[in-house]
C-alpha atoms as a PDB file:
ATOM      1  CA  ASP A   1       0.487  60.317  43.954  1.00  0.00           C
ATOM      2  CA  MET A   2      -0.710  56.795  43.404  1.00  0.00           C
ATOM      3  CA  LEU A   3       2.003  54.878  41.622  1.00  0.00           C
ATOM      4  CA  LEU A   4      -0.058  51.798  40.942  1.00  0.00           C
ATOM      5  CA  LYS A   5      -1.927  51.724  37.615  1.00  0.00           C
ATOM      6  CA  LEU A   6      -5.380  50.167  37.394  1.00  0.00           C
ATOM      7  CA  PRO A   7      -8.109  49.788  34.737  1.00  0.00           C
ATOM      8  CA  ASP A   8     -10.759  52.468  34.533  1.00  0.00           C
ATOM      9  CA  GLY A   9     -13.498  51.912  37.137  1.00  0.00           C
ATOM     10  CA  PHE A  10     -11.302  50.170  39.698  1.00  0.00           C
ATOM     11  CA  TYR A  11     -10.042  51.753  42.887  1.00  0.00           C
ATOM     12  CA  ILE A  12      -7.377  50.545  45.320  1.00  0.00           C
ATOM     13  CA  SER A  13      -6.763  51.210  49.049  1.00  0.00           C
ATOM     14  CA  ILE A  14      -4.985  49.703  51.982  1.00  0.00           C
ATOM     15  CA  PHE A  15      -7.018  47.238  54.050  1.00  0.00           C
ATOM     16  CA  ALA A  16      -4.398  46.249  56.618  1.00  0.00           C
ATOM     17  CA  LYS A  17      -0.848  47.387  57.036  1.00  0.00           C
ATOM     18  CA  ASP A  18       2.439  46.577  58.982  1.00  0.00           C
ATOM     19  CA  LEU A  19       2.023  42.827  58.518  1.00  0.00           C
ATOM     20  CA  LYS A  20       5.646  42.309  57.560  1.00  0.00           C
ATOM     21  CA  ALA A  21       5.205  39.717  54.725  1.00  0.00           C
ATOM     22  CA  PRO A  22       1.676  38.283  54.597  1.00  0.00           C
ATOM     23  CA  ARG A  23       1.325  35.312  52.145  1.00  0.00           C
ATOM     24  CA  VAL A  24      -1.889  33.354  51.773  1.00  0.00           C
ATOM     25  CA  LEU A  25      -5.334  34.888  52.045  1.00  0.00           C
ATOM     26  CA  ALA A  26      -8.482  33.109  53.156  1.00  0.00           C
ATOM     27  CA  ARG A  27     -12.040  34.156  54.115  1.00  0.00           C
ATOM     28  CA  ASP A  28     -13.806  32.706  57.037  1.00  0.00           C
ATOM     29  CA  PRO A  29     -17.545  31.785  56.965  1.00  0.00           C
ATOM     30  CA  ALA A  30     -18.262  35.199  58.752  1.00  0.00           C
ATOM     31  CA  GLY A  31     -16.517  37.088  55.971  1.00  0.00           C
ATOM     32  CA  ASN A  32     -13.341  37.918  57.985  1.00  0.00           C
ATOM     33  CA  ILE A  33     -10.002  37.875  56.088  1.00  0.00           C
ATOM     34  CA  LEU A  34      -7.199  35.694  57.378  1.00  0.00           C
ATOM     35  CA  THR A  35      -3.599  35.641  56.305  1.00  0.00           C
ATOM     36  CA  SER A  36      -0.556  33.534  57.059  1.00  0.00           C
ATOM     37  CA  ILE A  37       2.664  35.366  58.011  1.00  0.00           C
ATOM     38  CA  THR A  38       5.008  32.626  57.105  1.00  0.00           C
ATOM     39  CA  GLY A  39       8.286  34.283  58.279  1.00  0.00           C
ATOM     40  CA  GLU A  40       6.788  35.014  61.744  1.00  0.00           C
ATOM     41  CA  GLY A  41       5.223  31.606  62.230  1.00  0.00           C
ATOM     42  CA  LYS A  42       1.767  32.984  62.698  1.00  0.00           C
ATOM     43  CA  VAL A  43      -1.739  33.169  61.211  1.00  0.00           C
ATOM     44  CA  VAL A  44      -3.797  36.330  61.885  1.00  0.00           C
ATOM     45  CA  VAL A  45      -7.484  37.346  61.381  1.00  0.00           C
ATOM     46  CA  LEU A  46      -8.241  40.834  60.092  1.00  0.00           C
ATOM     47  CA  PRO A  47     -11.856  41.616  61.032  1.00  0.00           C
ATOM     48  CA  ASP A  48     -13.588  44.701  59.541  1.00  0.00           C
ATOM     49  CA  LYS A  49     -16.691  44.786  61.640  1.00  0.00           C
ATOM     50  CA  ASN A  50     -17.838  48.266  60.508  1.00  0.00           C
ATOM     51  CA  GLY A  51     -17.296  47.450  56.849  1.00  0.00           C
ATOM     52  CA  ASP A  52     -15.272  50.625  56.160  1.00  0.00           C
ATOM     53  CA  GLY A  53     -12.736  48.755  54.067  1.00  0.00           C
ATOM     54  CA  LEU A  54     -10.124  48.911  56.738  1.00  0.00           C
ATOM     55  CA  ALA A  55      -9.227  46.130  59.113  1.00  0.00           C
ATOM     56  CA  ASP A  56     -10.243  47.048  62.708  1.00  0.00           C
ATOM     57  CA  ARG A  57      -7.383  45.195  64.263  1.00  0.00           C
ATOM     58  CA  VAL A  58      -4.915  42.235  63.827  1.00  0.00           C
ATOM     59  CA  ILE A  59      -5.840  39.153  65.828  1.00  0.00           C
ATOM     60  CA  THR A  60      -3.285  36.404  66.125  1.00  0.00           C
ATOM     61  CA  ILE A  61      -4.999  33.014  66.182  1.00  0.00           C
ATOM     62  CA  ALA A  62      -1.922  30.772  65.784  1.00  0.00           C
ATOM     63  CA  GLU A  63       1.707  31.341  66.510  1.00  0.00           C
ATOM     64  CA  GLY A  64       4.974  29.372  66.921  1.00  0.00           C
ATOM     65  CA  LEU A  65       4.218  27.369  63.776  1.00  0.00           C
ATOM     66  CA  ASN A  66       6.808  26.018  61.399  1.00  0.00           C
ATOM     67  CA  LYS A  67       6.590  28.390  58.409  1.00  0.00           C
ATOM     68  CA  PRO A  68       2.790  28.316  58.046  1.00  0.00           C
ATOM     69  CA  HIS A  69       1.570  29.012  54.513  1.00  0.00           C
ATOM     70  CA  GLY A  70      -1.551  27.403  53.133  1.00  0.00           C
ATOM     71  CA  LEU A  71      -5.007  28.053  54.681  1.00  0.00           C
ATOM     72  CA  ALA A  72      -8.313  26.386  53.816  1.00  0.00           C
ATOM     73  CA  PHE A  73     -11.717  26.299  55.429  1.00  0.00           C
ATOM     74  CA  ARG A  74     -14.165  23.402  55.349  1.00  0.00           C
ATOM     75  CA  CYS A  75     -17.643  23.930  56.872  1.00  0.00           C
ATOM     76  CA  VAL A  76     -20.373  21.375  57.362  1.00  0.00           C
ATOM     77  CA  GLU A  77     -23.679  22.953  58.514  1.00  0.00           C
ATOM     78  CA  ASN A  78     -22.586  25.485  61.186  1.00  0.00           C
ATOM     79  CA  TYR A  79     -19.312  23.739  62.107  1.00  0.00           C
ATOM     80  CA  CYS A  80     -16.140  24.969  60.604  1.00  0.00           C
ATOM     81  CA  LYS A  81     -12.533  23.693  60.519  1.00  0.00           C
ATOM     82  CA  LEU A  82      -9.508  25.730  59.506  1.00  0.00           C
ATOM     83  CA  TYR A  83      -6.739  23.751  57.862  1.00  0.00           C
ATOM     84  CA  ILE A  84      -3.218  25.253  58.170  1.00  0.00           C
ATOM     85  CA  ALA A  85      -0.151  23.912  56.199  1.00  0.00           C
ATOM     86  CA  GLU A  86       3.160  24.137  57.895  1.00  0.00           C
ATOM     87  CA  SER A  87       6.472  23.194  56.259  1.00  0.00           C
ATOM     88  CA  ASP A  88       6.320  19.717  57.815  1.00  0.00           C
ATOM     89  CA  GLN A  89       2.571  19.016  58.259  1.00  0.00           C
ATOM     90  CA  VAL A  90      -1.056  19.871  57.645  1.00  0.00           C
ATOM     91  CA  ALA A  91      -3.343  20.161  60.657  1.00  0.00           C
ATOM     92  CA  ALA A  92      -7.112  20.810  61.148  1.00  0.00           C
ATOM     93  CA  TYR A  93      -8.366  23.084  63.902  1.00  0.00           C
ATOM     94  CA  ASP A  94     -11.851  23.784  65.258  1.00  0.00           C
ATOM     95  CA  TYR A  95     -12.707  27.361  64.172  1.00  0.00           C
ATOM     96  CA  ASP A  96     -14.675  29.635  66.478  1.00  0.00           C
ATOM     97  CA  GLU A  97     -15.885  32.424  64.160  1.00  0.00           C
ATOM     98  CA  LYS A  98     -17.646  34.301  67.026  1.00  0.00           C
ATOM     99  CA  ASN A  99     -14.601  34.706  69.210  1.00  0.00           C
ATOM    100  CA  LEU A 100     -11.985  34.294  66.381  1.00  0.00           C
ATOM    101  CA  LYS A 101     -10.055  31.503  68.079  1.00  0.00           C
ATOM    102  CA  ILE A 102      -8.865  28.090  66.982  1.00  0.00           C
ATOM    103  CA  SER A 103      -8.491  24.969  69.089  1.00  0.00           C
ATOM    104  CA  ASN A 104      -7.974  21.170  69.035  1.00  0.00           C
ATOM    105  CA  LYS A 105      -5.114  20.897  66.535  1.00  0.00           C
ATOM    106  CA  LYS A 106      -5.251  17.605  64.789  1.00  0.00           C
ATOM    107  CA  LYS A 107      -2.460  16.592  62.361  1.00  0.00           C
ATOM    108  CA  ILE A 108      -3.767  15.022  59.128  1.00  0.00           C
ATOM    109  CA  ALA A 109      -0.661  14.714  57.051  1.00  0.00           C
ATOM    110  CA  ASP A 110       3.168  14.610  57.469  1.00  0.00           C
ATOM    111  CA  LEU A 111       5.085  16.529  54.854  1.00  0.00           C
ATOM    112  CA  PRO A 112       8.845  16.752  54.065  1.00  0.00           C
ATOM    113  CA  ASP A 113      10.231  19.742  56.004  1.00  0.00           C
ATOM    114  CA  GLY A 114      12.213  22.612  54.558  1.00  0.00           C
ATOM    115  CA  GLY A 115      14.209  22.313  51.352  1.00  0.00           C
ATOM    116  CA  ARG A 116      14.557  24.911  48.651  1.00  0.00           C
ATOM    117  CA  HIS A 117      10.745  25.369  48.601  1.00  0.00           C
ATOM    118  CA  PHE A 118       9.003  25.303  51.989  1.00  0.00           C
ATOM    119  CA  THR A 119       5.617  26.860  51.261  1.00  0.00           C
ATOM    120  CA  ARG A 120       2.861  24.309  51.304  1.00  0.00           C
ATOM    121  CA  THR A 121      -0.516  25.366  49.841  1.00  0.00           C
ATOM    122  CA  LEU A 122      -4.018  23.949  50.375  1.00  0.00           C
ATOM    123  CA  LEU A 123      -7.173  23.705  48.200  1.00  0.00           C
ATOM    124  CA  PHE A 124     -10.324  21.727  48.807  1.00  0.00           C
ATOM    125  CA  MET A 125     -11.523  20.100  45.654  1.00  0.00           C
ATOM    126  CA  PRO A 126     -14.805  21.299  44.270  1.00  0.00           C
ATOM    127  CA  PRO A 127     -17.937  19.088  44.637  1.00  0.00           C
ATOM    128  CA  PRO A 128     -18.365  16.112  44.299  1.00  0.00           C
ATOM    129  CA  ASP A 129     -14.911  15.713  45.834  1.00  0.00           C
ATOM    130  CA  GLU A 130     -15.250  18.372  48.472  1.00  0.00           C
ATOM    131  CA  ASN A 131     -13.830  16.053  51.156  1.00  0.00           C
ATOM    132  CA  LYS A 132     -10.504  15.821  49.336  1.00  0.00           C
ATOM    133  CA  LEU A 133      -7.751  18.305  50.226  1.00  0.00           C
ATOM    134  CA  LEU A 134      -5.044  19.141  47.756  1.00  0.00           C
ATOM    135  CA  ILE A 135      -1.565  19.945  49.195  1.00  0.00           C
ATOM    136  CA  SER A 136       1.135  21.526  46.904  1.00  0.00           C
ATOM    137  CA  ILE A 137       4.722  20.703  47.784  1.00  0.00           C
ATOM    138  CA  GLY A 138       7.694  22.252  45.915  1.00  0.00           C
ATOM    139  CA  SER A 139      10.953  20.599  45.070  1.00  0.00           C
ATOM    140  CA  SER A 140      13.878  20.419  47.520  1.00  0.00           C
ATOM    141  CA  CYS A 141      16.250  21.719  44.862  1.00  0.00           C
ATOM    142  CA  ASP A 142      16.377  23.933  41.774  1.00  0.00           C
ATOM    143  CA  VAL A 143      16.396  20.982  39.440  1.00  0.00           C
ATOM    144  CA  CYS A 144      17.183  17.368  40.398  1.00  0.00           C
ATOM    145  CA  ASP A 145      15.871  13.892  40.714  1.00  0.00           C
ATOM    146  CA  GLU A 146      13.955  13.820  44.038  1.00  0.00           C
ATOM    147  CA  LYS A 147      14.386  11.019  46.546  1.00  0.00           C
ATOM    148  CA  ASP A 148      11.292  11.833  48.634  1.00  0.00           C
ATOM    149  CA  TRP A 149       8.099  10.719  46.829  1.00  0.00           C
ATOM    150  CA  ARG A 150       6.147  13.714  48.207  1.00  0.00           C
ATOM    151  CA  ARG A 151       8.333  16.371  46.610  1.00  0.00           C
ATOM    152  CA  ALA A 152       7.647  18.430  43.482  1.00  0.00           C
ATOM    153  CA  LYS A 153       3.959  17.309  43.429  1.00  0.00           C
ATOM    154  CA  VAL A 154       0.469  18.104  44.397  1.00  0.00           C
ATOM    155  CA  LEU A 155      -0.792  15.445  46.894  1.00  0.00           C
ATOM    156  CA  MET A 156      -4.333  14.628  47.927  1.00  0.00           C
ATOM    157  CA  VAL A 157      -5.529  13.612  51.431  1.00  0.00           C
ATOM    158  CA  ASN A 158      -8.912  13.027  52.997  1.00  0.00           C
ATOM    159  CA  GLU A 159     -10.315  15.867  55.047  1.00  0.00           C
ATOM    160  CA  ASP A 160      -9.916  13.840  58.231  1.00  0.00           C
ATOM    161  CA  GLY A 161      -6.396  12.560  57.314  1.00  0.00           C
ATOM    162  CA  GLY A 162      -5.537   9.241  55.832  1.00  0.00           C
ATOM    163  CA  ASP A 163      -5.008   8.082  52.272  1.00  0.00           C
ATOM    164  CA  LEU A 164      -2.206  10.629  51.457  1.00  0.00           C
ATOM    165  CA  LYS A 165      -1.467  10.002  47.785  1.00  0.00           C
ATOM    166  CA  ILE A 166      -0.205  11.635  44.588  1.00  0.00           C
ATOM    167  CA  PHE A 167      -2.640  13.857  42.573  1.00  0.00           C
ATOM    168  CA  ALA A 168      -0.189  15.341  40.079  1.00  0.00           C
ATOM    169  CA  THR A 169       3.509  15.105  39.530  1.00  0.00           C
ATOM    170  CA  GLY A 170       6.374  16.934  37.709  1.00  0.00           C
ATOM    171  CA  LEU A 171       5.542  20.278  39.324  1.00  0.00           C
ATOM    172  CA  ARG A 172       8.739  22.062  40.496  1.00  0.00           C
ATOM    173  CA  ASN A 173       6.937  24.643  42.621  1.00  0.00           C
ATOM    174  CA  SER A 174       3.206  25.136  42.075  1.00  0.00           C
ATOM    175  CA  VAL A 175       2.750  27.463  44.992  1.00  0.00           C
ATOM    176  CA  PHE A 176      -0.952  28.341  44.406  1.00  0.00           C
ATOM    177  CA  MET A 177      -4.056  26.597  43.052  1.00  0.00           C
ATOM    178  CA  ALA A 178      -7.555  27.666  42.221  1.00  0.00           C
ATOM    179  CA  ALA A 179     -10.747  25.906  41.028  1.00  0.00           C
ATOM    180  CA  HIS A 180     -12.444  27.168  37.813  1.00  0.00           C
ATOM    181  CA  PRO A 181     -15.894  28.544  38.736  1.00  0.00           C
ATOM    182  CA  VAL A 182     -17.738  26.847  35.954  1.00  0.00           C
ATOM    183  CA  ASN A 183     -16.138  23.439  35.297  1.00  0.00           C
ATOM    184  CA  GLY A 184     -14.317  22.922  38.632  1.00  0.00           C
ATOM    185  CA  SER A 185     -10.977  22.186  37.029  1.00  0.00           C
ATOM    186  CA  VAL A 186      -7.883  22.892  39.164  1.00  0.00           C
ATOM    187  CA  TRP A 187      -5.518  25.542  37.804  1.00  0.00           C
ATOM    188  CA  ALA A 188      -1.986  26.113  39.285  1.00  0.00           C
ATOM    189  CA  THR A 189       0.858  28.497  38.757  1.00  0.00           C
ATOM    190  CA  GLU A 190       4.264  27.036  38.375  1.00  0.00           C
ATOM    191  CA  MET A 191       7.700  28.514  38.843  1.00  0.00           C
ATOM    192  CA  GLY A 192      10.385  27.308  36.421  1.00  0.00           C
ATOM    193  CA  ARG A 193      13.918  26.513  37.282  1.00  0.00           C
ATOM    194  CA  ASP A 194      16.720  29.027  37.610  1.00  0.00           C
ATOM    195  CA  PHE A 195      20.108  29.526  35.831  1.00  0.00           C
ATOM    196  CA  LEU A 196      19.045  28.997  32.242  1.00  0.00           C
ATOM    197  CA  GLY A 197      19.478  32.715  31.615  1.00  0.00           C
ATOM    198  CA  ASP A 198      17.184  35.741  31.616  1.00  0.00           C
ATOM    199  CA  ASN A 199      14.421  34.216  29.245  1.00  0.00           C
ATOM    200  CA  LEU A 200      14.292  30.508  30.073  1.00  0.00           C
ATOM    201  CA  PRO A 201      12.478  28.524  31.161  1.00  0.00           C
ATOM    202  CA  PRO A 202       8.937  30.037  31.107  1.00  0.00           C
ATOM    203  CA  ASP A 203       6.929  30.071  34.221  1.00  0.00           C
ATOM    204  CA  GLU A 204       3.600  28.398  33.697  1.00  0.00           C
ATOM    205  CA  ILE A 205      -0.116  28.054  34.376  1.00  0.00           C
ATOM    206  CA  ASN A 206      -1.149  24.420  34.325  1.00  0.00           C
ATOM    207  CA  ILE A 207      -4.582  22.763  34.480  1.00  0.00           C
ATOM    208  CA  LEU A 208      -4.007  19.882  36.875  1.00  0.00           C
ATOM    209  CA  GLU A 209      -5.588  16.452  36.199  1.00  0.00           C
ATOM    210  CA  GLU A 210      -5.323  13.515  38.541  1.00  0.00           C
ATOM    211  CA  GLY A 211      -2.527  11.144  37.659  1.00  0.00           C
ATOM    212  CA  GLU A 212      -0.878  13.427  35.133  1.00  0.00           C
ATOM    213  CA  TRP A 213       2.812  14.352  34.921  1.00  0.00           C
ATOM    214  CA  TYR A 214       3.816  17.978  34.129  1.00  0.00           C
ATOM    215  CA  GLY A 215       7.446  17.460  33.006  1.00  0.00           C
ATOM    216  CA  TRP A 216       9.769  18.696  35.758  1.00  0.00           C
ATOM    217  CA  PRO A 217      12.735  18.093  35.919  1.00  0.00           C
ATOM    218  CA  TRP A 218      13.027  16.791  32.370  1.00  0.00           C
ATOM    219  CA  PHE A 219      10.830  19.285  30.454  1.00  0.00           C
ATOM    220  CA  TYR A 220       9.454  22.790  30.789  1.00  0.00           C
ATOM    221  CA  GLY A 221       6.810  24.881  29.004  1.00  0.00           C
ATOM    222  CA  LYS A 222       5.446  23.317  25.920  1.00  0.00           C
ATOM    223  CA  ASN A 223       7.418  20.060  26.598  1.00  0.00           C
ATOM    224  CA  ILE A 224      10.884  21.574  25.794  1.00  0.00           C
ATOM    225  CA  GLU A 225      13.588  19.192  26.955  1.00  0.00           C
ATOM    226  CA  ASP A 226      15.944  20.473  29.612  1.00  0.00           C
ATOM    227  CA  TYR A 227      19.255  19.404  28.116  1.00  0.00           C
ATOM    228  CA  GLN A 228      21.199  21.278  30.834  1.00  0.00           C
ATOM    229  CA  PHE A 229      19.707  18.967  33.458  1.00  0.00           C
ATOM    230  CA  SER A 230      20.000  15.876  31.237  1.00  0.00           C
ATOM    231  CA  PRO A 231      22.602  16.636  28.557  1.00  0.00           C
ATOM    232  CA  TYR A 232      22.770  13.270  26.804  1.00  0.00           C
ATOM    233  CA  SER A 233      19.492  11.596  26.443  1.00  0.00           C
ATOM    234  CA  ARG A 234      16.353  11.382  28.456  1.00  0.00           C
ATOM    235  CA  PRO A 235      15.392   8.100  30.113  1.00  0.00           C
ATOM    236  CA  SER A 236      12.418   6.391  28.513  1.00  0.00           C
ATOM    237  CA  PHE A 237       9.141   7.641  30.064  1.00  0.00           C
ATOM    238  CA  VAL A 238       5.948   5.657  30.421  1.00  0.00           C
ATOM    239  CA  LYS A 239       4.105   8.655  28.960  1.00  0.00           C
ATOM    240  CA  GLU A 240       4.740  12.142  27.653  1.00  0.00           C
ATOM    241  CA  PRO A 241       4.199  14.989  30.124  1.00  0.00           C
ATOM    242  CA  LYS A 242       1.224  17.323  29.965  1.00  0.00           C
ATOM    243  CA  GLN A 243       2.435  20.613  28.611  1.00  0.00           C
ATOM    244  CA  SER A 244       1.728  24.004  30.156  1.00  0.00           C
ATOM    245  CA  PHE A 245      -1.603  25.640  29.434  1.00  0.00           C
ATOM    246  CA  ILE A 246      -0.131  29.166  29.414  1.00  0.00           C
ATOM    247  CA  ASP A 247       3.555  30.123  29.299  1.00  0.00           C
ATOM    248  CA  ILE A 248       4.593  33.186  31.455  1.00  0.00           C
ATOM    249  CA  PRO A 249       7.753  35.148  30.867  1.00  0.00           C
ATOM    250  CA  ALA A 250      10.668  33.610  32.719  1.00  0.00           C
ATOM    251  CA  HIS A 251      11.311  34.599  36.349  1.00  0.00           C
ATOM    252  CA  SER A 252       7.972  36.378  36.693  1.00  0.00           C
ATOM    253  CA  ALA A 253       7.380  34.119  39.703  1.00  0.00           C
ATOM    254  CA  PRO A 254       3.632  33.690  39.384  1.00  0.00           C
ATOM    255  CA  LEU A 255       1.947  32.944  42.752  1.00  0.00           C
ATOM    256  CA  GLY A 256      -1.604  33.554  43.753  1.00  0.00           C
ATOM    257  CA  LEU A 257      -4.343  33.199  41.208  1.00  0.00           C
ATOM    258  CA  ALA A 258      -8.047  33.830  41.431  1.00  0.00           C
ATOM    259  CA  PHE A 259     -11.026  33.540  39.036  1.00  0.00           C
ATOM    260  CA  VAL A 260     -13.540  36.327  38.731  1.00  0.00           C
ATOM    261  CA  SER A 261     -17.242  35.472  38.879  1.00  0.00           C
ATOM    262  CA  GLY A 262     -20.305  37.155  40.221  1.00  0.00           C
ATOM    263  CA  THR A 263     -22.660  39.956  39.520  1.00  0.00           C
ATOM    264  CA  GLY A 264     -20.396  42.785  40.888  1.00  0.00           C
ATOM    265  CA  TRP A 265     -17.970  42.570  37.965  1.00  0.00           C
ATOM    266  CA  PRO A 266     -17.970  44.050  34.540  1.00  0.00           C
ATOM    267  CA  LYS A 267     -19.445  41.505  32.046  1.00  0.00           C
ATOM    268  CA  ASP A 268     -16.204  41.008  30.121  1.00  0.00           C
ATOM    269  CA  TYR A 269     -14.446  40.026  33.313  1.00  0.00           C
ATOM    270  CA  GLN A 270     -16.681  36.952  33.962  1.00  0.00           C
ATOM    271  CA  ASN A 271     -14.591  33.760  34.443  1.00  0.00           C
ATOM    272  CA  ASN A 272     -11.419  35.589  33.837  1.00  0.00           C
ATOM    273  CA  LEU A 273      -8.217  34.793  35.808  1.00  0.00           C
ATOM    274  CA  LEU A 274      -6.094  37.189  37.818  1.00  0.00           C
ATOM    275  CA  VAL A 275      -2.491  36.083  38.529  1.00  0.00           C
ATOM    276  CA  ALA A 276       0.027  37.669  40.873  1.00  0.00           C
ATOM    277  CA  TYR A 277       3.518  38.013  39.426  1.00  0.00           C
ATOM    278  CA  HIS A 278       5.730  38.187  42.579  1.00  0.00           C
ATOM    279  CA  GLY A 279       8.760  39.309  40.558  1.00  0.00           C
ATOM    280  CA  SER A 280      12.234  38.110  39.728  1.00  0.00           C
ATOM    281  CA  TRP A 281      15.352  38.003  41.945  1.00  0.00           C
ATOM    282  CA  ASN A 282      17.590  36.364  39.316  1.00  0.00           C
ATOM    283  CA  ARG A 283      17.121  38.415  36.134  1.00  0.00           C
ATOM    284  CA  THR A 284      19.283  41.122  34.792  1.00  0.00           C
ATOM    285  CA  GLU A 285      16.178  43.291  34.134  1.00  0.00           C
ATOM    286  CA  PRO A 286      13.533  42.523  36.801  1.00  0.00           C
ATOM    287  CA  THR A 287      10.175  41.436  35.557  1.00  0.00           C
ATOM    288  CA  GLY A 288       6.867  40.778  37.187  1.00  0.00           C
ATOM    289  CA  TYR A 289       5.752  42.847  40.254  1.00  0.00           C
ATOM    290  CA  LYS A 290       2.226  43.108  38.927  1.00  0.00           C
ATOM    291  CA  ILE A 291      -1.182  41.430  38.602  1.00  0.00           C
ATOM    292  CA  VAL A 292      -2.153  40.193  35.208  1.00  0.00           C
ATOM    293  CA  ARG A 293      -5.598  39.505  33.863  1.00  0.00           C
ATOM    294  CA  TYR A 294      -6.046  36.472  31.669  1.00  0.00           C
ATOM    295  CA  LYS A 295      -9.176  36.837  29.455  1.00  0.00           C
ATOM    296  CA  LEU A 296     -10.937  33.489  29.228  1.00  0.00           C
ATOM    297  CA  ASP A 297     -14.263  32.328  27.972  1.00  0.00           C
ATOM    298  CA  GLU A 298     -16.611  30.347  30.258  1.00  0.00           C
ATOM    299  CA  LYS A 299     -15.031  27.108  29.126  1.00  0.00           C
ATOM    300  CA  GLY A 300     -11.548  28.396  30.100  1.00  0.00           C
ATOM    301  CA  ASN A 301     -10.195  28.887  26.579  1.00  0.00           C
ATOM    302  CA  TYR A 302      -7.510  31.556  26.370  1.00  0.00           C
ATOM    303  CA  LEU A 303      -8.532  34.856  24.716  1.00  0.00           C
ATOM    304  CA  GLY A 304      -5.698  37.163  25.640  1.00  0.00           C
ATOM    305  CA  GLU A 305      -4.026  38.877  28.531  1.00  0.00           C
ATOM    306  CA  GLU A 306      -3.261  42.372  29.902  1.00  0.00           C
ATOM    307  CA  ASP A 307      -1.796  43.995  32.951  1.00  0.00           C
ATOM    308  CA  PHE A 308      -4.474  44.513  35.599  1.00  0.00           C
ATOM    309  CA  ILE A 309      -2.502  46.283  38.323  1.00  0.00           C
ATOM    310  CA  SER A 310       1.149  47.352  37.651  1.00  0.00           C
ATOM    311  CA  GLY A 311       3.542  49.781  39.129  1.00  0.00           C
ATOM    312  CA  TRP A 312       5.030  47.858  42.077  1.00  0.00           C
ATOM    313  CA  LEU A 313       8.383  47.931  40.275  1.00  0.00           C
ATOM    314  CA  ALA A 314       9.399  51.588  40.493  1.00  0.00           C
ATOM    315  CA  LYS A 315      12.526  53.189  39.093  1.00  0.00           C
ATOM    316  CA  ASP A 316      14.075  53.698  42.553  1.00  0.00           C
ATOM    317  CA  GLY A 317      13.222  50.249  43.936  1.00  0.00           C
ATOM    318  CA  THR A 318      10.338  47.953  44.651  1.00  0.00           C
ATOM    319  CA  LEU A 319       7.121  49.107  46.289  1.00  0.00           C
ATOM    320  CA  GLY A 320       5.948  45.570  46.893  1.00  0.00           C
ATOM    321  CA  ARG A 321       5.664  42.093  45.586  1.00  0.00           C
ATOM    322  CA  PRO A 322       2.244  40.636  45.052  1.00  0.00           C
ATOM    323  CA  VAL A 323       1.606  37.210  46.533  1.00  0.00           C
ATOM    324  CA  ASP A 324      -2.005  36.146  46.879  1.00  0.00           C
ATOM    325  CA  ILE A 325      -5.326  37.288  45.382  1.00  0.00           C
ATOM    326  CA  LEU A 326      -8.762  36.768  46.883  1.00  0.00           C
ATOM    327  CA  THR A 327     -11.765  37.725  44.701  1.00  0.00           C
ATOM    328  CA  GLN A 328     -15.434  38.218  45.893  1.00  0.00           C
ATOM    329  CA  ALA A 329     -18.646  38.067  43.837  1.00  0.00           C
ATOM    330  CA  ASP A 330     -19.388  41.712  44.639  1.00  0.00           C
ATOM    331  CA  GLY A 331     -16.390  43.011  42.699  1.00  0.00           C
ATOM    332  CA  ILE A 332     -13.983  43.318  45.619  1.00  0.00           C
ATOM    333  CA  ILE A 333     -10.476  41.906  45.472  1.00  0.00           C
ATOM    334  CA  TYR A 334      -7.992  41.480  48.302  1.00  0.00           C
END
């Protein structure tokens, strides 16, 4: 009676349950899966020691946090640190993978707390910039001119703190980021503003480049001007914004994204991108509630798209809302 639809050759099962609303997924150096449970202020580890595809237990390694969301590991030789992004800060912890404990919390960046978007996400840059941590911070509003320089941007900070600066701007709410497996470019999902009707503006996938501006609040999609925000004329800009790489139907709410690479995948999946559509709250006919496969060549050129897993939006309600995706080289996805 499986209601979810998958491509031939793929099989889906439950790995861990009763977690309320897990958000970000991460894998520790020992292969354990972690997730942040933002609404409960905690981060948990889900070990599967016997490898049966079912988490043995739920171990809380951090609690009492302020809406924890982003998770990232950084390991040098045998020593690993876990980075956790709360609404108001990013901190690094010593990570004990044998005992599944964290200690020595060290704050490395102050962030603006709360606002309309309070989920902060983390991504370490690929080499040669592996000591640089990207932090995504959404806008405080639906559409507005921000007063805090850190809002509606992706920021960059050194792994030990210090030198917090702007990486990319004009991003209303780029909740998730992923690095391309071949060229290392940083891809991000982006949620467009509300209240322009059912079909505007598109949500987006952007390829982030340092120092670039992606349009919000003045533009969306392929640099379409938002006249409802600025009805008369736009101010003069130093440069035109970068337009979206891929437009996604409005209010799909794209969140987690993950590239597919490794020997365990069908050949035609190599370097493809999976994106979680969390689903709409403000659309007459709901859309999203699925995972979409973007077919890309190894340079990242767009070849097409198709539903990968669908069926969470059922006739009599919603079975779930996909948030994050974690892919492995052996053909396993969490």
